Amino acid sequence: MNLPTREESQTLLEKYIENPALRHHCEMVAAAMEAYAQNFGEDAELWYQTGLLHDLDYEKYPEEHPNKAVNELLTDYPKELKHAILAHGPSITGVEPETKMERYLFACDELSGFMHAYSLMRPNGFVGMKAGKIIKKLKDIHFAAKINRDDIEKGFALIDAEASEHIQFLIATFT
């Protein structure tokens, strides 16, 4: 497998994503993916870079996301990474998440954004955050209204995890 360095991927991210919030989101998903890869004995570097680059084209090419990234911007990356990026947007690409890496990318994406929004309301961010509070906040459709709750629920199902288990793992990763 020919995987560019983490530094090269970070440079690519900075070239295509100027918005600090979107960059931060990509870095959060990368951290989550790396933590899960280490937990499962998978390729942590591949999982990290998949998370880091999953929204690479979202800011500059929102109408073509994620196809533009996979077809034009990530030509030097392994097919597993590109396929996972396609699978995180199945309603657009028609590619459903199937491999473990694809399922975890899907499960970490929307939920990480939601958890970040919730952390901004708290004086200590992720420190001391409880999974039950996140689960309760998910039911408030007015909070972080643009985040797709159906995708979050689908993510729990894709990784066959209880919501609290997955959320607690992410809290520990983001703390």
C-alpha atoms as a PDB file:
ATOM      1  CA  MET A   1       0.000   0.000   0.000  1.00  0.00           C
ATOM      2  CA  ASN A   2       1.345   3.403  -1.014  1.00  0.00           C
ATOM      3  CA  LEU A   3       0.223   5.889   1.643  1.00  0.00           C
ATOM      4  CA  PRO A   4       1.622   9.438   1.595  1.00  0.00           C
ATOM      5  CA  THR A   5       3.008  10.711   4.888  1.00  0.00           C
ATOM      6  CA  ARG A   6       0.811  12.259   7.547  1.00  0.00           C
ATOM      7  CA  GLU A   7       2.567  15.569   6.898  1.00  0.00           C
ATOM      8  CA  GLU A   8       1.742  15.400   3.187  1.00  0.00           C
ATOM      9  CA  SER A   9      -1.899  14.696   4.009  1.00  0.00           C
ATOM     10  CA  GLN A  10      -2.009  17.582   6.492  1.00  0.00           C
ATOM     11  CA  THR A  11      -0.556  19.902   3.824  1.00  0.00           C
ATOM     12  CA  LEU A  12      -3.215  18.714   1.372  1.00  0.00           C
ATOM     13  CA  LEU A  13      -5.909  19.362   3.965  1.00  0.00           C
ATOM     14  CA  GLU A  14      -4.613  22.884   4.550  1.00  0.00           C
ATOM     15  CA  LYS A  15      -4.537  23.535   0.800  1.00  0.00           C
ATOM     16  CA  TYR A  16      -8.202  22.657   0.271  1.00  0.00           C
ATOM     17  CA  ILE A  17      -9.781  23.548   3.630  1.00  0.00           C
ATOM     18  CA  GLU A  18      -9.366  27.077   4.945  1.00  0.00           C
ATOM     19  CA  ASN A  19     -12.308  27.068   7.372  1.00  0.00           C
ATOM     20  CA  PRO A  20     -10.849  26.387  10.845  1.00  0.00           C
ATOM     21  CA  ALA A  21     -14.045  24.667  12.045  1.00  0.00           C
ATOM     22  CA  LEU A  22     -14.062  22.224   9.116  1.00  0.00           C
ATOM     23  CA  ARG A  23     -10.341  21.596   9.535  1.00  0.00           C
ATOM     24  CA  HIS A  24     -10.908  20.909  13.216  1.00  0.00           C
ATOM     25  CA  HIS A  25     -13.744  18.515  12.356  1.00  0.00           C
ATOM     26  CA  CYS A  26     -11.460  16.571  10.007  1.00  0.00           C
ATOM     27  CA  GLU A  27      -8.778  16.389  12.699  1.00  0.00           C
ATOM     28  CA  MET A  28     -11.328  15.152  15.260  1.00  0.00           C
ATOM     29  CA  VAL A  29     -12.532  12.413  12.924  1.00  0.00           C
ATOM     30  CA  ALA A  30      -8.898  11.505  12.213  1.00  0.00           C
ATOM     31  CA  ALA A  31      -8.188  11.164  15.947  1.00  0.00           C
ATOM     32  CA  ALA A  32     -11.310   9.022  16.415  1.00  0.00           C
ATOM     33  CA  MET A  33     -10.371   6.783  13.510  1.00  0.00           C
ATOM     34  CA  GLU A  34      -6.798   6.386  14.731  1.00  0.00           C
ATOM     35  CA  ALA A  35      -8.020   5.465  18.235  1.00  0.00           C
ATOM     36  CA  TYR A  36     -10.405   2.863  16.859  1.00  0.00           C
ATOM     37  CA  ALA A  37      -7.709   1.419  14.574  1.00  0.00           C
ATOM     38  CA  GLN A  38      -5.359   1.052  17.539  1.00  0.00           C
ATOM     39  CA  ASN A  39      -8.176  -0.544  19.528  1.00  0.00           C
ATOM     40  CA  PHE A  40      -8.729  -3.141  16.793  1.00  0.00           C
ATOM     41  CA  GLY A  41      -5.101  -3.673  15.763  1.00  0.00           C
ATOM     42  CA  GLU A  42      -5.769  -2.134  12.340  1.00  0.00           C
ATOM     43  CA  ASP A  43      -3.515   0.199  10.318  1.00  0.00           C
ATOM     44  CA  ALA A  44      -3.707   3.333  12.477  1.00  0.00           C
ATOM     45  CA  GLU A  45      -2.003   5.539   9.907  1.00  0.00           C
ATOM     46  CA  LEU A  46      -4.417   4.540   7.127  1.00  0.00           C
ATOM     47  CA  TRP A  47      -7.425   5.045   9.391  1.00  0.00           C
ATOM     48  CA  TYR A  48      -6.088   8.407  10.631  1.00  0.00           C
ATOM     49  CA  GLN A  49      -5.517   9.759   7.122  1.00  0.00           C
ATOM     50  CA  THR A  50      -8.913   8.488   5.971  1.00  0.00           C
ATOM     51  CA  GLY A  51     -10.534  10.496   8.743  1.00  0.00           C
ATOM     52  CA  LEU A  52      -8.342  13.510   8.069  1.00  0.00           C
ATOM     53  CA  LEU A  53      -9.161  13.647   4.359  1.00  0.00           C
ATOM     54  CA  HIS A  54     -12.814  12.517   4.371  1.00  0.00           C
ATOM     55  CA  ASP A  55     -14.150  16.065   3.769  1.00  0.00           C
ATOM     56  CA  LEU A  56     -11.214  17.321   1.691  1.00  0.00           C
ATOM     57  CA  ASP A  57     -13.399  18.659  -1.134  1.00  0.00           C
ATOM     58  CA  TYR A  58     -16.356  19.826   0.968  1.00  0.00           C
ATOM     59  CA  GLU A  59     -15.377  23.496   1.265  1.00  0.00           C
ATOM     60  CA  LYS A  60     -14.239  24.202  -2.302  1.00  0.00           C
ATOM     61  CA  TYR A  61     -16.470  21.699  -4.140  1.00  0.00           C
ATOM     62  CA  PRO A  62     -19.566  21.084  -1.981  1.00  0.00           C
ATOM     63  CA  GLU A  63     -21.700  19.991  -4.926  1.00  0.00           C
ATOM     64  CA  GLU A  64     -19.122  17.388  -5.954  1.00  0.00           C
ATOM     65  CA  HIS A  65     -18.322  16.100  -2.445  1.00  0.00           C
ATOM     66  CA  PRO A  66     -16.940  13.442  -1.919  1.00  0.00           C
ATOM     67  CA  ASN A  67     -16.500  12.427  -5.559  1.00  0.00           C
ATOM     68  CA  LYS A  68     -14.151  15.309  -6.450  1.00  0.00           C
ATOM     69  CA  ALA A  69     -11.709  14.323  -3.700  1.00  0.00           C
ATOM     70  CA  VAL A  70     -11.675  10.660  -4.642  1.00  0.00           C
ATOM     71  CA  ASN A  71     -11.516  11.129  -8.418  1.00  0.00           C
ATOM     72  CA  GLU A  72      -9.155  14.113  -8.653  1.00  0.00           C
ATOM     73  CA  LEU A  73      -7.510  15.157  -5.382  1.00  0.00           C
ATOM     74  CA  LEU A  74      -6.491  11.829  -3.850  1.00  0.00           C
ATOM     75  CA  THR A  75      -5.101  10.006  -6.873  1.00  0.00           C
ATOM     76  CA  ASP A  76      -1.925   8.984  -4.996  1.00  0.00           C
ATOM     77  CA  TYR A  77      -3.849   7.424  -2.108  1.00  0.00           C
ATOM     78  CA  PRO A  78      -4.767   3.759  -1.615  1.00  0.00           C
ATOM     79  CA  LYS A  79      -8.083   2.477  -2.881  1.00  0.00           C
ATOM     80  CA  GLU A  80      -9.185   1.513   0.661  1.00  0.00           C
ATOM     81  CA  LEU A  81      -8.984   5.159   1.751  1.00  0.00           C
ATOM     82  CA  LYS A  82     -10.803   6.417  -1.336  1.00  0.00           C
ATOM     83  CA  HIS A  83     -13.546   3.801  -1.061  1.00  0.00           C
ATOM     84  CA  ALA A  84     -14.109   4.664   2.612  1.00  0.00           C
ATOM     85  CA  ILE A  85     -14.452   8.343   1.702  1.00  0.00           C
ATOM     86  CA  LEU A  86     -17.044   7.450  -0.933  1.00  0.00           C
ATOM     87  CA  ALA A  87     -18.860   5.253   1.594  1.00  0.00           C
ATOM     88  CA  HIS A  88     -19.221   8.092   4.113  1.00  0.00           C
ATOM     89  CA  GLY A  89     -21.640   9.743   1.676  1.00  0.00           C
ATOM     90  CA  PRO A  90     -23.804   6.864   0.441  1.00  0.00           C
ATOM     91  CA  SER A  91     -26.795   9.071  -0.395  1.00  0.00           C
ATOM     92  CA  ILE A  92     -24.577  10.931  -2.891  1.00  0.00           C
ATOM     93  CA  THR A  93     -22.219   8.199  -4.105  1.00  0.00           C
ATOM     94  CA  GLY A  94     -24.401   5.100  -3.861  1.00  0.00           C
ATOM     95  CA  VAL A  95     -21.493   3.403  -2.054  1.00  0.00           C
ATOM     96  CA  GLU A  96     -22.571   1.879   1.259  1.00  0.00           C
ATOM     97  CA  PRO A  97     -20.077   1.418   4.108  1.00  0.00           C
ATOM     98  CA  GLU A  98     -19.079  -2.245   4.263  1.00  0.00           C
ATOM     99  CA  THR A  99     -15.531  -2.699   5.577  1.00  0.00           C
ATOM    100  CA  LYS A 100     -14.731  -2.048   9.215  1.00  0.00           C
ATOM    101  CA  MET A 101     -12.880   1.174   8.331  1.00  0.00           C
ATOM    102  CA  GLU A 102     -15.790   2.394   6.193  1.00  0.00           C
ATOM    103  CA  ARG A 103     -18.335   1.652   8.908  1.00  0.00           C
ATOM    104  CA  TYR A 104     -16.312   3.436  11.577  1.00  0.00           C
ATOM    105  CA  LEU A 105     -15.704   6.484   9.387  1.00  0.00           C
ATOM    106  CA  PHE A 106     -19.449   6.763   8.873  1.00  0.00           C
ATOM    107  CA  ALA A 107     -20.111   6.249  12.591  1.00  0.00           C
ATOM    108  CA  CYS A 108     -17.568   8.877  13.682  1.00  0.00           C
ATOM    109  CA  ASP A 109     -18.321  11.633  11.156  1.00  0.00           C
ATOM    110  CA  GLU A 110     -21.679  13.188  12.117  1.00  0.00           C
ATOM    111  CA  LEU A 111     -21.399  12.206  15.766  1.00  0.00           C
ATOM    112  CA  SER A 112     -18.022  13.946  16.129  1.00  0.00           C
ATOM    113  CA  GLY A 113     -19.537  17.151  14.769  1.00  0.00           C
ATOM    114  CA  PHE A 114     -22.448  16.892  17.174  1.00  0.00           C
ATOM    115  CA  MET A 115     -20.191  16.207  20.132  1.00  0.00           C
ATOM    116  CA  HIS A 116     -17.978  19.154  19.237  1.00  0.00           C
ATOM    117  CA  ALA A 117     -21.015  21.449  19.150  1.00  0.00           C
ATOM    118  CA  TYR A 118     -22.044  20.164  22.570  1.00  0.00           C
ATOM    119  CA  SER A 119     -18.510  20.611  23.951  1.00  0.00           C
ATOM    120  CA  LEU A 120     -18.624  24.309  23.034  1.00  0.00           C
ATOM    121  CA  MET A 121     -21.525  24.777  25.477  1.00  0.00           C
ATOM    122  CA  ARG A 122     -19.542  23.338  28.362  1.00  0.00           C
ATOM    123  CA  PRO A 123     -16.980  25.239  30.429  1.00  0.00           C
ATOM    124  CA  ASN A 124     -14.539  22.297  30.302  1.00  0.00           C
ATOM    125  CA  GLY A 125     -15.271  21.047  26.784  1.00  0.00           C
ATOM    126  CA  PHE A 126     -14.961  17.259  26.685  1.00  0.00           C
ATOM    127  CA  VAL A 127     -13.536  16.963  30.207  1.00  0.00           C
ATOM    128  CA  GLY A 128     -16.163  15.355  32.428  1.00  0.00           C
ATOM    129  CA  MET A 129     -18.637  14.963  29.559  1.00  0.00           C
ATOM    130  CA  LYS A 130     -21.102  12.108  29.979  1.00  0.00           C
ATOM    131  CA  ALA A 131     -22.480   9.911  27.201  1.00  0.00           C
ATOM    132  CA  GLY A 132     -25.995  10.122  28.658  1.00  0.00           C
ATOM    133  CA  LYS A 133     -26.013  13.907  28.251  1.00  0.00           C
ATOM    134  CA  ILE A 134     -25.075  13.551  24.570  1.00  0.00           C
ATOM    135  CA  ILE A 135     -27.823  10.975  24.047  1.00  0.00           C
ATOM    136  CA  LYS A 136     -30.345  13.304  25.683  1.00  0.00           C
ATOM    137  CA  LYS A 137     -29.127  16.286  23.612  1.00  0.00           C
ATOM    138  CA  LEU A 138     -29.513  14.258  20.389  1.00  0.00           C
ATOM    139  CA  LYS A 139     -33.261  14.314  21.002  1.00  0.00           C
ATOM    140  CA  ASP A 140     -33.290  18.131  20.937  1.00  0.00           C
ATOM    141  CA  ILE A 141     -33.869  18.729  17.220  1.00  0.00           C
ATOM    142  CA  HIS A 142     -33.180  22.442  17.612  1.00  0.00           C
ATOM    143  CA  PHE A 143     -29.641  21.881  18.906  1.00  0.00           C
ATOM    144  CA  ALA A 144     -27.093  21.521  16.084  1.00  0.00           C
ATOM    145  CA  ALA A 145     -30.072  21.206  13.757  1.00  0.00           C
ATOM    146  CA  LYS A 146     -28.011  20.673  10.588  1.00  0.00           C
ATOM    147  CA  ILE A 147     -26.442  17.487  11.929  1.00  0.00           C
ATOM    148  CA  ASN A 148     -28.178  14.403  10.588  1.00  0.00           C
ATOM    149  CA  ARG A 149     -29.522  12.364  13.502  1.00  0.00           C
ATOM    150  CA  ASP A 150     -30.528   9.523  11.174  1.00  0.00           C
ATOM    151  CA  ASP A 151     -26.893   9.171  10.079  1.00  0.00           C
ATOM    152  CA  ILE A 152     -25.798   9.112  13.716  1.00  0.00           C
ATOM    153  CA  GLU A 153     -28.283   6.308  14.429  1.00  0.00           C
ATOM    154  CA  LYS A 154     -27.162   4.472  11.292  1.00  0.00           C
ATOM    155  CA  GLY A 155     -23.580   4.797  12.520  1.00  0.00           C
ATOM    156  CA  PHE A 156     -24.426   3.087  15.810  1.00  0.00           C
ATOM    157  CA  ALA A 157     -26.018   0.234  13.847  1.00  0.00           C
ATOM    158  CA  LEU A 158     -23.108  -0.036  11.394  1.00  0.00           C
ATOM    159  CA  ILE A 159     -20.602  -0.637  14.159  1.00  0.00           C
ATOM    160  CA  ASP A 160     -23.060  -2.690  16.225  1.00  0.00           C
ATOM    161  CA  ALA A 161     -22.466  -0.528  19.284  1.00  0.00           C
ATOM    162  CA  GLU A 162     -24.647   0.872  21.994  1.00  0.00           C
ATOM    163  CA  ALA A 163     -24.827   4.649  21.664  1.00  0.00           C
ATOM    164  CA  SER A 164     -23.318   5.173  25.109  1.00  0.00           C
ATOM    165  CA  GLU A 165     -20.390   2.849  24.359  1.00  0.00           C
ATOM    166  CA  HIS A 166     -19.439   4.609  21.115  1.00  0.00           C
ATOM    167  CA  ILE A 167     -19.952   8.077  22.591  1.00  0.00           C
ATOM    168  CA  GLN A 168     -17.878   7.249  25.687  1.00  0.00           C
ATOM    169  CA  PHE A 169     -15.047   5.970  23.466  1.00  0.00           C
ATOM    170  CA  LEU A 170     -15.106   9.254  21.527  1.00  0.00           C
ATOM    171  CA  ILE A 171     -15.222  11.354  24.701  1.00  0.00           C
ATOM    172  CA  ALA A 172     -12.108   9.542  25.939  1.00  0.00           C
ATOM    173  CA  THR A 173     -10.431  10.123  22.573  1.00  0.00           C
ATOM    174  CA  PHE A 174     -11.283  13.842  22.454  1.00  0.00           C
ATOM    175  CA  THR A 175     -10.404  14.606  26.096  1.00  0.00           C
END
